[in-house]
Amino acid sequence: MSNLEAVTKALGFIERHLRDDITIADVAESVYYSLFHFSRVFNRAVLHTPYDYIMRRRLSEAGRELLNTGRKIIDIAFDFQFNNHETFSRAFKRMFRQNPMEWRKRKCRDPRL
């Protein structure tokens, strides 16, 4: 399997498991790469570390849910593997420059979604 194929399969694995408690080792194992080799190959191809990519995807999907559902913010946070409201809000604000409540109230649309 080429590195590009491995990264493509890894991206699919990540997308299928955004709501699951996965580790980078799980993703590397899904494409039969060592953790070190996978991290290096993934970073070169995607320009983000695997951890950063997973966090960005989870936050993007959480942002979409905030806009499209009336579910509680804490429930959405838990769905995307954030252990508490503060951690989720801090990460969300770092990525979107506003907290989840403001995001929902303003019905923000962001091209990263």
N, C-alpha and C. Protein backbone atom coordinates (compact mmCIF):
# COMPACT_ATOMS: atom_id res chain seq x y z
N MET A 1 0.85 -1.17 0.00
CA MET A 1 0.00 0.00 0.00
C MET A 1 0.91 1.24 0.00
N SER A 2 0.59 2.18 -0.86
CA SER A 2 1.37 3.43 -0.91
C SER A 2 1.00 4.32 0.28
N ASN A 3 1.85 5.29 0.54
CA ASN A 3 1.57 6.23 1.62
C ASN A 3 0.26 6.98 1.38
N LEU A 4 0.01 7.37 0.13
CA LEU A 4 -1.23 8.09 -0.19
C LEU A 4 -2.45 7.22 0.08
N GLU A 5 -2.37 5.95 -0.29
CA GLU A 5 -3.48 5.03 -0.01
C GLU A 5 -3.68 4.88 1.50
N ALA A 6 -2.58 4.79 2.23
CA ALA A 6 -2.67 4.64 3.68
C ALA A 6 -3.33 5.86 4.32
N VAL A 7 -2.94 7.05 3.87
CA VAL A 7 -3.53 8.27 4.42
C VAL A 7 -5.02 8.34 4.06
N THR A 8 -5.36 7.98 2.85
CA THR A 8 -6.76 7.98 2.42
C THR A 8 -7.58 7.02 3.28
N LYS A 9 -7.06 5.83 3.52
CA LYS A 9 -7.76 4.87 4.36
C LYS A 9 -7.84 5.36 5.80
N ALA A 10 -6.79 6.00 6.27
CA ALA A 10 -6.78 6.54 7.63
C ALA A 10 -7.84 7.64 7.77
N LEU A 11 -7.96 8.48 6.77
CA LEU A 11 -8.98 9.53 6.80
C LEU A 11 -10.38 8.93 6.87
N GLY A 12 -10.60 7.87 6.11
CA GLY A 12 -11.89 7.17 6.17
C GLY A 12 -12.15 6.58 7.54
N PHE A 13 -11.12 5.99 8.12
CA PHE A 13 -11.24 5.43 9.47
C PHE A 13 -11.60 6.52 10.46
N ILE A 14 -10.92 7.63 10.37
CA ILE A 14 -11.20 8.76 11.28
C ILE A 14 -12.64 9.22 11.12
N GLU A 15 -13.08 9.40 9.89
CA GLU A 15 -14.45 9.88 9.65
C GLU A 15 -15.49 8.91 10.22
N ARG A 16 -15.23 7.61 10.09
CA ARG A 16 -16.18 6.62 10.61
C ARG A 16 -16.19 6.57 12.13
N HIS A 17 -15.13 7.07 12.76
CA HIS A 17 -14.99 6.94 14.21
C HIS A 17 -14.87 8.28 14.94
N LEU A 18 -15.38 9.35 14.35
CA LEU A 18 -15.27 10.67 14.98
C LEU A 18 -15.91 10.70 16.37
N ARG A 19 -16.94 9.93 16.57
CA ARG A 19 -17.66 9.94 17.85
C ARG A 19 -17.14 8.87 18.81
N ASP A 20 -16.16 8.10 18.36
CA ASP A 20 -15.62 7.03 19.19
C ASP A 20 -14.34 7.47 19.88
N ASP A 21 -13.99 6.77 20.92
CA ASP A 21 -12.78 7.04 21.66
C ASP A 21 -11.61 6.33 20.97
N ILE A 22 -11.08 6.96 19.94
CA ILE A 22 -9.97 6.36 19.18
C ILE A 22 -8.67 7.08 19.53
N THR A 23 -7.58 6.36 19.36
CA THR A 23 -6.26 6.94 19.56
C THR A 23 -5.55 6.99 18.20
N ILE A 24 -4.46 7.71 18.17
CA ILE A 24 -3.65 7.76 16.95
C ILE A 24 -3.12 6.36 16.65
N ALA A 25 -2.80 5.61 17.69
CA ALA A 25 -2.33 4.23 17.50
C ALA A 25 -3.41 3.39 16.82
N ASP A 26 -4.67 3.60 17.15
CA ASP A 26 -5.77 2.88 16.49
C ASP A 26 -5.80 3.21 15.00
N VAL A 27 -5.62 4.48 14.68
CA VAL A 27 -5.64 4.89 13.27
C VAL A 27 -4.45 4.28 12.54
N ALA A 28 -3.27 4.35 13.14
CA ALA A 28 -2.07 3.77 12.52
C ALA A 28 -2.24 2.27 12.31
N GLU A 29 -2.80 1.61 13.30
CA GLU A 29 -3.02 0.17 13.19
C GLU A 29 -4.00 -0.17 12.08
N SER A 30 -4.97 0.71 11.84
CA SER A 30 -5.97 0.45 10.80
C SER A 30 -5.35 0.41 9.41
N VAL A 31 -4.18 1.02 9.26
CA VAL A 31 -3.49 1.00 7.95
C VAL A 31 -2.17 0.22 8.02
N TYR A 32 -1.97 -0.50 9.13
CA TYR A 32 -0.81 -1.38 9.31
C TYR A 32 0.53 -0.64 9.30
N TYR A 33 0.53 0.57 9.85
CA TYR A 33 1.76 1.35 9.97
C TYR A 33 2.13 1.45 11.45
N SER A 34 3.42 1.63 11.70
CA SER A 34 3.81 1.93 13.07
C SER A 34 3.32 3.33 13.41
N LEU A 35 3.18 3.60 14.68
CA LEU A 35 2.71 4.91 15.12
C LEU A 35 3.62 6.01 14.61
N PHE A 36 4.92 5.84 14.76
CA PHE A 36 5.88 6.86 14.33
C PHE A 36 5.80 7.09 12.83
N HIS A 37 5.84 6.02 12.05
CA HIS A 37 5.81 6.16 10.59
C HIS A 37 4.49 6.77 10.12
N PHE A 38 3.40 6.31 10.70
CA PHE A 38 2.10 6.85 10.33
C PHE A 38 2.02 8.35 10.61
N SER A 39 2.44 8.75 11.79
CA SER A 39 2.37 10.17 12.16
C SER A 39 3.17 11.03 11.19
N ARG A 40 4.33 10.56 10.83
CA ARG A 40 5.18 11.31 9.90
C ARG A 40 4.54 11.39 8.51
N VAL A 41 4.05 10.28 8.00
CA VAL A 41 3.43 10.24 6.67
C VAL A 41 2.16 11.08 6.65
N PHE A 42 1.33 10.95 7.67
CA PHE A 42 0.07 11.69 7.74
C PHE A 42 0.35 13.20 7.78
N ASN A 43 1.27 13.60 8.61
CA ASN A 43 1.60 15.02 8.75
C ASN A 43 2.09 15.61 7.43
N ARG A 44 2.90 14.87 6.71
CA ARG A 44 3.38 15.35 5.40
C ARG A 44 2.24 15.51 4.40
N ALA A 45 1.30 14.59 4.43
CA ALA A 45 0.22 14.60 3.43
C ALA A 45 -0.88 15.60 3.77
N VAL A 46 -1.23 15.71 5.05
CA VAL A 46 -2.39 16.49 5.46
C VAL A 46 -2.00 17.86 6.02
N LEU A 47 -0.74 18.01 6.38
CA LEU A 47 -0.20 19.25 6.96
C LEU A 47 -0.76 19.54 8.35
N HIS A 48 -1.21 18.48 9.01
CA HIS A 48 -1.64 18.53 10.40
C HIS A 48 -1.22 17.21 11.03
N THR A 49 -0.96 17.24 12.31
CA THR A 49 -0.71 15.98 13.00
C THR A 49 -2.02 15.20 13.03
N PRO A 50 -1.94 13.90 13.18
CA PRO A 50 -3.19 13.13 13.26
C PRO A 50 -4.09 13.61 14.41
N TYR A 51 -3.52 13.90 15.56
CA TYR A 51 -4.31 14.38 16.69
C TYR A 51 -5.01 15.69 16.36
N ASP A 52 -4.27 16.63 15.79
CA ASP A 52 -4.84 17.93 15.44
C ASP A 52 -5.96 17.75 14.41
N TYR A 53 -5.75 16.89 13.43
CA TYR A 53 -6.77 16.65 12.41
C TYR A 53 -8.05 16.09 13.05
N ILE A 54 -7.89 15.11 13.93
CA ILE A 54 -9.07 14.51 14.58
C ILE A 54 -9.81 15.57 15.40
N MET A 55 -9.08 16.37 16.14
CA MET A 55 -9.72 17.42 16.95
C MET A 55 -10.46 18.41 16.05
N ARG A 56 -9.84 18.83 14.97
CA ARG A 56 -10.48 19.78 14.05
C ARG A 56 -11.75 19.20 13.45
N ARG A 57 -11.70 17.92 13.06
CA ARG A 57 -12.89 17.29 12.47
C ARG A 57 -14.00 17.16 13.51
N ARG A 58 -13.63 16.79 14.73
CA ARG A 58 -14.65 16.66 15.77
C ARG A 58 -15.29 18.01 16.06
N LEU A 59 -14.48 19.04 16.14
CA LEU A 59 -15.02 20.38 16.41
C LEU A 59 -15.87 20.87 15.25
N SER A 60 -15.47 20.58 14.04
CA SER A 60 -16.27 20.99 12.87
C SER A 60 -17.63 20.31 12.87
N GLU A 61 -17.64 19.01 13.15
CA GLU A 61 -18.91 18.29 13.18
C GLU A 61 -19.76 18.73 14.37
N ALA A 62 -19.12 19.02 15.49
CA ALA A 62 -19.86 19.54 16.65
C ALA A 62 -20.48 20.89 16.30
N GLY A 63 -19.73 21.73 15.60
CA GLY A 63 -20.25 23.04 15.17
C GLY A 63 -21.45 22.88 14.26
N ARG A 64 -21.39 21.91 13.38
CA ARG A 64 -22.53 21.64 12.49
C ARG A 64 -23.75 21.20 13.30
N GLU A 65 -23.53 20.35 14.29
CA GLU A 65 -24.65 19.90 15.13
C GLU A 65 -25.23 21.04 15.95
N LEU A 66 -24.38 21.93 16.42
CA LEU A 66 -24.88 23.08 17.17
C LEU A 66 -25.84 23.91 16.33
N LEU A 67 -25.56 24.02 15.05
CA LEU A 67 -26.40 24.80 14.16
C LEU A 67 -27.66 24.06 13.71
N ASN A 68 -27.56 22.75 13.58
CA ASN A 68 -28.64 22.00 12.96
C ASN A 68 -29.53 21.25 13.93
N THR A 69 -29.19 21.28 15.22
CA THR A 69 -30.03 20.58 16.19
C THR A 69 -30.25 21.50 17.39
N GLY A 70 -31.16 21.13 18.22
CA GLY A 70 -31.39 21.87 19.46
C GLY A 70 -30.84 21.13 20.67
N ARG A 71 -29.98 20.16 20.41
CA ARG A 71 -29.42 19.35 21.51
C ARG A 71 -28.59 20.20 22.45
N LYS A 72 -28.49 19.76 23.68
CA LYS A 72 -27.67 20.45 24.67
C LYS A 72 -26.21 20.43 24.25
N ILE A 73 -25.51 21.52 24.53
CA ILE A 73 -24.10 21.63 24.18
C ILE A 73 -23.29 20.54 24.84
N ILE A 74 -23.56 20.25 26.09
CA ILE A 74 -22.80 19.22 26.81
C ILE A 74 -22.99 17.84 26.18
N ASP A 75 -24.19 17.56 25.68
CA ASP A 75 -24.43 16.27 25.02
C ASP A 75 -23.62 16.16 23.73
N ILE A 76 -23.55 17.25 22.99
CA ILE A 76 -22.75 17.27 21.76
C ILE A 76 -21.28 17.11 22.11
N ALA A 77 -20.84 17.78 23.16
CA ALA A 77 -19.45 17.66 23.60
C ALA A 77 -19.12 16.21 23.93
N PHE A 78 -19.97 15.56 24.69
CA PHE A 78 -19.74 14.16 25.06
C PHE A 78 -19.74 13.26 23.82
N ASP A 79 -20.63 13.53 22.87
CA ASP A 79 -20.69 12.73 21.64
C ASP A 79 -19.36 12.74 20.90
N PHE A 80 -18.67 13.86 20.96
CA PHE A 80 -17.42 13.99 20.22
C PHE A 80 -16.19 13.83 21.12
N GLN A 81 -16.38 13.09 22.20
CA GLN A 81 -15.29 12.66 23.08
C GLN A 81 -14.62 13.76 23.90
N PHE A 82 -15.35 14.82 24.18
CA PHE A 82 -14.84 15.83 25.11
C PHE A 82 -15.41 15.47 26.48
N ASN A 83 -14.56 15.42 27.47
CA ASN A 83 -14.95 14.91 28.79
C ASN A 83 -15.73 15.89 29.63
N ASN A 84 -15.67 17.18 29.28
CA ASN A 84 -16.44 18.16 30.05
C ASN A 84 -16.69 19.40 29.19
N HIS A 85 -17.61 20.21 29.67
CA HIS A 85 -18.03 21.40 28.94
C HIS A 85 -16.88 22.39 28.76
N GLU A 86 -16.06 22.55 29.79
CA GLU A 86 -14.97 23.54 29.73
C GLU A 86 -13.94 23.19 28.67
N THR A 87 -13.56 21.93 28.61
CA THR A 87 -12.58 21.49 27.61
C THR A 87 -13.13 21.71 26.20
N PHE A 88 -14.39 21.34 26.01
CA PHE A 88 -15.03 21.52 24.71
C PHE A 88 -15.10 23.00 24.35
N SER A 89 -15.57 23.83 25.26
CA SER A 89 -15.72 25.26 24.99
C SER A 89 -14.37 25.91 24.68
N ARG A 90 -13.35 25.55 25.42
CA ARG A 90 -12.01 26.12 25.20
C ARG A 90 -11.49 25.74 23.81
N ALA A 91 -11.61 24.46 23.46
CA ALA A 91 -11.15 24.00 22.14
C ALA A 91 -11.98 24.64 21.03
N PHE A 92 -13.29 24.73 21.24
CA PHE A 92 -14.18 25.32 20.24
C PHE A 92 -13.82 26.79 20.01
N LYS A 93 -13.60 27.50 21.09
CA LYS A 93 -13.27 28.93 20.98
C LYS A 93 -11.91 29.12 20.31
N ARG A 94 -10.96 28.25 20.60
CA ARG A 94 -9.65 28.33 19.97
C ARG A 94 -9.77 28.16 18.44
N MET A 95 -10.65 27.29 18.01
CA MET A 95 -10.79 27.03 16.57
C MET A 95 -11.68 28.05 15.88
N PHE A 96 -12.81 28.42 16.49
CA PHE A 96 -13.79 29.27 15.82
C PHE A 96 -13.86 30.69 16.36
N ARG A 97 -13.08 31.00 17.36
CA ARG A 97 -12.99 32.33 17.97
C ARG A 97 -14.30 32.81 18.61
N GLN A 98 -15.12 31.87 19.01
CA GLN A 98 -16.31 32.17 19.80
C GLN A 98 -16.74 30.89 20.51
N ASN A 99 -17.43 31.06 21.60
CA ASN A 99 -17.82 29.86 22.34
C ASN A 99 -19.03 29.21 21.67
N PRO A 100 -19.32 27.97 22.01
CA PRO A 100 -20.41 27.24 21.36
C PRO A 100 -21.77 27.93 21.47
N MET A 101 -22.05 28.56 22.61
CA MET A 101 -23.34 29.23 22.78
C MET A 101 -23.47 30.41 21.81
N GLU A 102 -22.42 31.22 21.69
CA GLU A 102 -22.43 32.34 20.74
C GLU A 102 -22.59 31.82 19.32
N TRP A 103 -21.89 30.75 19.01
CA TRP A 103 -21.95 30.13 17.68
C TRP A 103 -23.39 29.77 17.34
N ARG A 104 -24.05 29.14 18.27
CA ARG A 104 -25.43 28.71 18.04
C ARG A 104 -26.36 29.91 17.92
N LYS A 105 -26.23 30.89 18.81
CA LYS A 105 -27.11 32.07 18.78
C LYS A 105 -26.96 32.86 17.49
N ARG A 106 -25.74 33.01 17.03
CA ARG A 106 -25.48 33.81 15.82
C ARG A 106 -25.69 33.01 14.54
N LYS A 107 -25.92 31.73 14.69
CA LYS A 107 -26.08 30.83 13.53
C LYS A 107 -24.93 31.01 12.55
N CYS A 108 -23.74 30.96 13.11
CA CYS A 108 -22.53 31.20 12.33
C CYS A 108 -22.37 30.15 11.25
N ARG A 109 -21.89 30.59 10.16
CA ARG A 109 -21.53 29.70 9.06
C ARG A 109 -20.04 29.90 8.83
N ASP A 110 -19.32 28.84 8.83
CA ASP A 110 -17.88 28.91 8.70
C ASP A 110 -17.47 27.99 7.57
N PRO A 111 -16.57 28.42 6.69
CA PRO A 111 -16.17 27.57 5.57
C PRO A 111 -15.45 26.31 6.00
N ARG A 112 -14.97 26.26 7.26
CA ARG A 112 -14.31 25.06 7.74
C ARG A 112 -15.28 23.92 7.98
N LEU A 113 -16.58 24.22 7.98
CA LEU A 113 -17.57 23.16 8.13
C LEU A 113 -17.82 22.54 6.79
